[in-house]
Protein backbone atom coordinates (compact mmCIF):
# COMPACT_ATOMS: atom_id res chain seq x y z
CA UNK A 1 -30.55 -3.83 -15.94
CA UNK A 2 -29.69 -4.85 -12.30
CA UNK A 3 -28.19 -1.45 -11.49
CA UNK A 4 -31.63 0.14 -11.92
CA UNK A 5 -32.89 -1.47 -8.70
CA UNK A 6 -30.53 0.24 -6.24
CA UNK A 7 -30.81 3.45 -8.25
CA UNK A 8 -34.59 3.28 -7.98
CA UNK A 9 -34.25 2.75 -4.23
CA UNK A 10 -32.38 6.03 -3.96
CA UNK A 11 -28.76 4.91 -3.95
CA UNK A 12 -26.52 7.31 -5.84
CA UNK A 13 -23.18 5.72 -5.05
CA UNK A 14 -22.63 2.12 -6.19
CA UNK A 15 -19.44 0.10 -5.76
CA UNK A 16 -18.46 -3.27 -7.24
CA UNK A 17 -15.75 -5.72 -6.16
CA UNK A 18 -14.12 -7.99 -8.75
CA UNK A 19 -11.49 -10.73 -8.33
CA UNK A 20 -8.95 -11.69 -10.97
CA UNK A 21 -6.60 -14.66 -11.15
CA UNK A 22 -9.27 -17.25 -10.38
CA UNK A 23 -8.93 -20.75 -11.88
CA UNK A 24 -9.94 -20.94 -15.52
CA UNK A 25 -10.03 -17.17 -16.02
CA UNK A 26 -8.68 -15.87 -19.33
CA UNK A 27 -7.77 -12.38 -20.49
CA UNK A 28 -10.85 -12.38 -22.72
CA UNK A 29 -13.10 -13.48 -19.87
CA UNK A 30 -11.65 -10.89 -17.50
CA UNK A 31 -12.08 -8.12 -20.05
CA UNK A 32 -15.70 -9.19 -20.48
CA UNK A 33 -16.17 -9.03 -16.70
CA UNK A 34 -14.77 -5.49 -16.65
CA UNK A 35 -17.05 -4.42 -19.49
CA UNK A 36 -20.10 -5.91 -17.76
CA UNK A 37 -19.15 -4.11 -14.53
CA UNK A 38 -18.79 -0.81 -16.39
CA UNK A 39 -22.15 -1.35 -18.07
CA UNK A 40 -23.73 -1.15 -14.60
CA UNK A 41 -22.38 2.42 -14.33
CA UNK A 42 -20.97 2.20 -10.79
CA UNK A 43 -19.12 5.07 -9.13
CA UNK A 44 -16.43 2.80 -7.68
CA UNK A 45 -14.77 -0.48 -8.65
CA UNK A 46 -12.28 -2.59 -6.67
CA UNK A 47 -10.22 -5.28 -8.42
CA UNK A 48 -8.37 -7.75 -6.19
CA UNK A 49 -5.95 -10.49 -7.19
CA UNK A 50 -6.99 -13.86 -5.78
CA UNK A 51 -5.40 -14.60 -2.39
CA UNK A 52 -5.30 -18.26 -1.38
CA UNK A 53 -5.88 -18.54 2.38
CA UNK A 54 -4.64 -21.55 4.31
CA UNK A 55 -7.31 -24.03 5.36
CA UNK A 56 -9.75 -23.09 2.60
CA UNK A 57 -11.03 -25.26 -0.27
CA UNK A 58 -8.98 -23.10 -2.62
CA UNK A 59 -5.82 -23.96 -0.68
CA UNK A 60 -6.59 -27.68 -0.95
CA UNK A 61 -7.27 -27.30 -4.66
CA UNK A 62 -4.06 -25.33 -5.19
CA UNK A 63 -1.98 -27.96 -3.37
CA UNK A 64 -3.50 -30.65 -5.57
CA UNK A 65 -3.48 -28.77 -8.89
CA UNK A 66 -1.36 -25.58 -8.88
CA UNK A 67 -1.43 -25.41 -12.66
CA UNK A 68 -5.14 -24.63 -12.57
CA UNK A 69 -4.38 -21.23 -11.06
CA UNK A 70 -3.06 -18.11 -12.75
CA UNK A 71 0.71 -17.71 -12.62
CA UNK A 72 2.40 -14.35 -11.94
CA UNK A 73 2.65 -13.51 -15.63
CA UNK A 74 -1.05 -14.02 -16.33
CA UNK A 75 -2.06 -12.23 -13.14
CA UNK A 76 0.07 -9.24 -14.19
CA UNK A 77 -1.63 -9.16 -17.60
CA UNK A 78 -5.05 -9.27 -15.97
CA UNK A 79 -4.11 -6.39 -13.65
CA UNK A 80 -2.78 -4.41 -16.63
CA UNK A 81 -6.09 -4.96 -18.42
CA UNK A 82 -7.97 -3.53 -15.43
CA UNK A 83 -5.70 -0.48 -15.30
CA UNK A 84 -6.14 0.20 -19.00
CA UNK A 85 -9.87 -0.54 -19.28
CA UNK A 86 -10.94 1.38 -16.19
CA UNK A 87 -8.64 4.27 -17.02
CA UNK A 88 -10.14 4.54 -20.51
CA UNK A 89 -13.58 4.59 -18.90
CA UNK A 90 -12.68 7.68 -16.86
CA UNK A 91 -11.95 6.01 -13.51
CA UNK A 92 -9.18 7.33 -11.28
CA UNK A 93 -6.74 4.65 -10.11
CA UNK A 94 -6.31 6.13 -6.65
CA UNK A 95 -5.13 3.02 -4.77
CA UNK A 96 -3.53 -0.23 -5.88
CA UNK A 97 -6.82 -2.15 -5.98
CA UNK A 98 -9.32 0.70 -6.22
CA UNK A 99 -10.73 2.91 -8.96
CA UNK A 100 -13.33 5.68 -8.65
CA UNK A 101 -15.20 8.30 -10.60
CA UNK A 102 -14.02 11.81 -9.64
CA UNK A 103 -15.32 12.61 -6.16
CA UNK A 104 -16.20 9.02 -5.28
CA UNK A 105 -13.09 7.69 -3.55
CA UNK A 106 -13.79 5.39 -0.61
CA UNK A 107 -13.53 7.62 2.45
CA UNK A 108 -13.86 4.67 4.85
CA UNK A 109 -10.81 2.81 3.55
CA UNK A 110 -8.80 6.02 3.35
CA UNK A 111 -8.55 5.86 7.14
CA UNK A 112 -6.73 2.54 6.92
CA UNK A 113 -4.26 3.85 4.35
CA UNK A 114 -3.54 6.89 6.54
CA UNK A 115 -2.94 4.50 9.46
CA UNK A 116 -5.67 6.26 11.45
CA UNK A 117 -7.15 4.55 14.54
CA UNK A 118 -10.29 2.46 14.08
CA UNK A 119 -12.56 0.30 16.24
CA UNK A 120 -13.87 -3.08 15.12
CA UNK A 121 -16.96 -4.62 16.76
CA UNK A 122 -18.04 -8.22 16.33
CA UNK A 123 -16.64 -11.68 15.67
CA UNK A 124 -13.27 -11.54 13.92
CA UNK A 125 -13.29 -7.73 13.93
CA UNK A 126 -9.97 -5.87 13.81
CA UNK A 127 -9.07 -2.64 15.60
CA UNK A 128 -6.14 -0.24 15.71
CA UNK A 129 -6.18 1.90 18.85
CA UNK A 130 -3.35 3.57 20.74
CA UNK A 131 -0.72 1.90 18.58
CA UNK A 132 -2.14 -1.57 19.29
CA UNK A 133 -3.44 -3.70 16.46
CA UNK A 134 -5.89 -6.36 17.63
CA UNK A 135 -8.39 -8.85 16.26
CA UNK A 136 -11.26 -10.64 17.98
CA UNK A 137 -11.64 -14.41 17.93
CA UNK A 138 -13.40 -15.90 14.91
CA UNK A 139 -15.09 -18.50 17.15
CA UNK A 140 -18.70 -17.38 17.55
CA UNK A 141 -19.39 -19.38 20.74
CA UNK A 142 -16.28 -18.04 22.47
CA UNK A 143 -17.19 -14.49 21.46
CA UNK A 144 -20.76 -14.78 22.74
CA UNK A 145 -19.68 -16.39 26.02
CA UNK A 146 -17.20 -13.60 26.77
CA UNK A 147 -19.62 -10.86 25.68
CA UNK A 148 -22.45 -12.17 27.89
CA UNK A 149 -20.07 -12.57 30.84
CA UNK A 150 -18.72 -9.05 30.40
CA UNK A 151 -15.16 -10.33 30.13
CA UNK A 152 -12.46 -9.48 27.60
CA UNK A 153 -13.19 -10.83 24.15
CA UNK A 154 -10.58 -13.49 23.23
CA UNK A 155 -8.25 -12.60 20.42
CA UNK A 156 -4.77 -11.46 19.51
CA UNK A 157 -3.05 -8.10 19.93
CA UNK A 158 0.24 -6.57 18.90
CA UNK A 159 1.73 -3.19 19.77
CA UNK A 160 3.47 -1.63 16.79
CA UNK A 161 6.52 0.38 17.78
CA UNK A 162 9.68 1.71 16.20
CA UNK A 163 10.56 0.30 12.79
CA UNK A 164 7.47 -1.92 12.70
CA UNK A 165 5.19 1.10 13.15
CA UNK A 166 6.91 3.35 10.63
CA UNK A 167 7.40 0.53 8.12
CA UNK A 168 3.71 -0.33 8.17
CA UNK A 169 2.75 3.32 7.81
CA UNK A 170 4.95 3.57 4.70
CA UNK A 171 3.47 0.37 3.30
CA UNK A 172 -0.09 1.66 3.71
CA UNK A 173 0.67 5.09 2.25
CA UNK A 174 2.46 3.64 -0.77
CA UNK A 175 -0.74 1.86 -1.76
CA UNK A 176 -2.28 5.23 -2.62
CA UNK A 177 -1.72 7.43 -5.66
CA UNK A 178 -0.40 10.21 -3.39
CA UNK A 179 2.15 7.92 -1.73
CA UNK A 180 4.13 9.00 1.34
CA UNK A 181 4.06 12.70 2.17
CA UNK A 182 7.57 12.92 3.60
CA UNK A 183 6.96 16.16 5.52
CA UNK A 184 3.76 14.92 7.17
CA UNK A 185 5.44 11.58 7.90
CA UNK A 186 8.33 13.30 9.69
CA UNK A 187 5.91 15.39 11.76
CA UNK A 188 3.85 12.38 12.78
CA UNK A 189 6.53 9.72 13.30
CA UNK A 190 9.67 11.80 13.85
CA UNK A 191 11.40 10.02 10.96
CA UNK A 192 12.91 11.39 7.77
CA UNK A 193 11.96 8.66 5.30
CA UNK A 194 14.63 9.54 2.76
CA UNK A 195 17.36 9.42 5.42
CA UNK A 196 16.21 6.47 7.53
CA UNK A 197 15.35 4.33 4.51
CA UNK A 198 17.87 5.93 2.15
CA UNK A 199 19.45 2.77 0.77
CA UNK A 200 16.05 1.09 0.29
CA UNK A 201 14.66 4.14 -1.50
CA UNK A 202 17.75 4.48 -3.71
CA UNK A 203 17.59 0.83 -4.79
CA UNK A 204 13.88 0.97 -5.56
CA UNK A 205 14.15 4.27 -7.44
CA UNK A 206 17.05 2.86 -9.48
CA UNK A 207 14.95 -0.21 -10.23
CA UNK A 208 12.07 1.91 -11.49
CA UNK A 209 9.75 0.88 -8.67
CA UNK A 210 9.55 4.22 -6.85
CA UNK A 211 9.73 7.88 -7.72
CA UNK A 212 10.92 10.39 -5.12
CA UNK A 213 10.34 14.10 -5.49
CA UNK A 214 8.05 16.99 -4.69
CA UNK A 215 7.97 16.01 -1.03
CA UNK A 216 6.54 12.58 -1.74
CA UNK A 217 7.50 8.97 -2.34
CA UNK A 218 5.25 7.09 -4.78
CA UNK A 219 5.01 3.78 -6.56
CA UNK A 220 5.60 3.93 -10.29
CA UNK A 221 3.29 2.10 -12.67
CA UNK A 222 5.82 -0.72 -12.70
CA UNK A 223 6.04 -0.66 -8.92
CA UNK A 224 2.31 -1.26 -8.58
CA UNK A 225 2.73 -4.69 -10.15
CA UNK A 226 5.17 -5.75 -7.42
CA UNK A 227 3.81 -3.60 -4.59
CA UNK A 228 4.05 -6.37 -1.99
CA UNK A 229 7.77 -6.75 -2.63
CA UNK A 230 8.35 -2.98 -2.64
CA UNK A 231 6.48 -2.48 0.63
CA UNK A 232 8.16 -5.51 2.13
CA UNK A 233 11.53 -3.86 1.64
CA UNK A 234 10.53 -1.14 4.14
CA UNK A 235 9.19 -3.66 6.64
CA UNK A 236 12.47 -5.57 6.54
CA UNK A 237 14.57 -2.60 7.69
């Protein structure tokens, strides 16, 4: 079995990434993919819905033949299958797209979800330092030229302040099983989430998308299926 090779090399923590919603994928095929992934006995599995990026072959294909791609209903069923199958296998669904055996959560990505600072090095690398989110150019020649000349690497940067900063922090925290710790959020950002975003929270709680209580704000199971829309509501304030 392929998993024996990294195990034999001394690796005791294996992670797999799977994508659902790809053209031609069925519920039966996706369930088979999940079972094959579980058969490899990894400690961590990520399942991502297909994102169609502009300028890619997928985008051209989608423009020509949108019916070849999974619609929202099928994609939701595929996501539900992942939740059920991985949960039955003993994996913790600790973030919207991530499942882990107990004790094997991804510590690296946890920094992103906490909105902690990070430094990216290399072509196309992203950083978040001092409240500024930046990304290096994806053009290799331009990157090398600037690096050799000792000049600033070309790219884009944006300073997140006010509502943009707090809204993004809420969006990132809501991706996790723990959600937004309202006390810690107030201490860090000086904002009472339930007061500042009161009407948004009330509407989403009433709609069954969020649950508020115990000092936290979390997505419900239903809310996870429309997480982009839920998080977008906080960014729009």
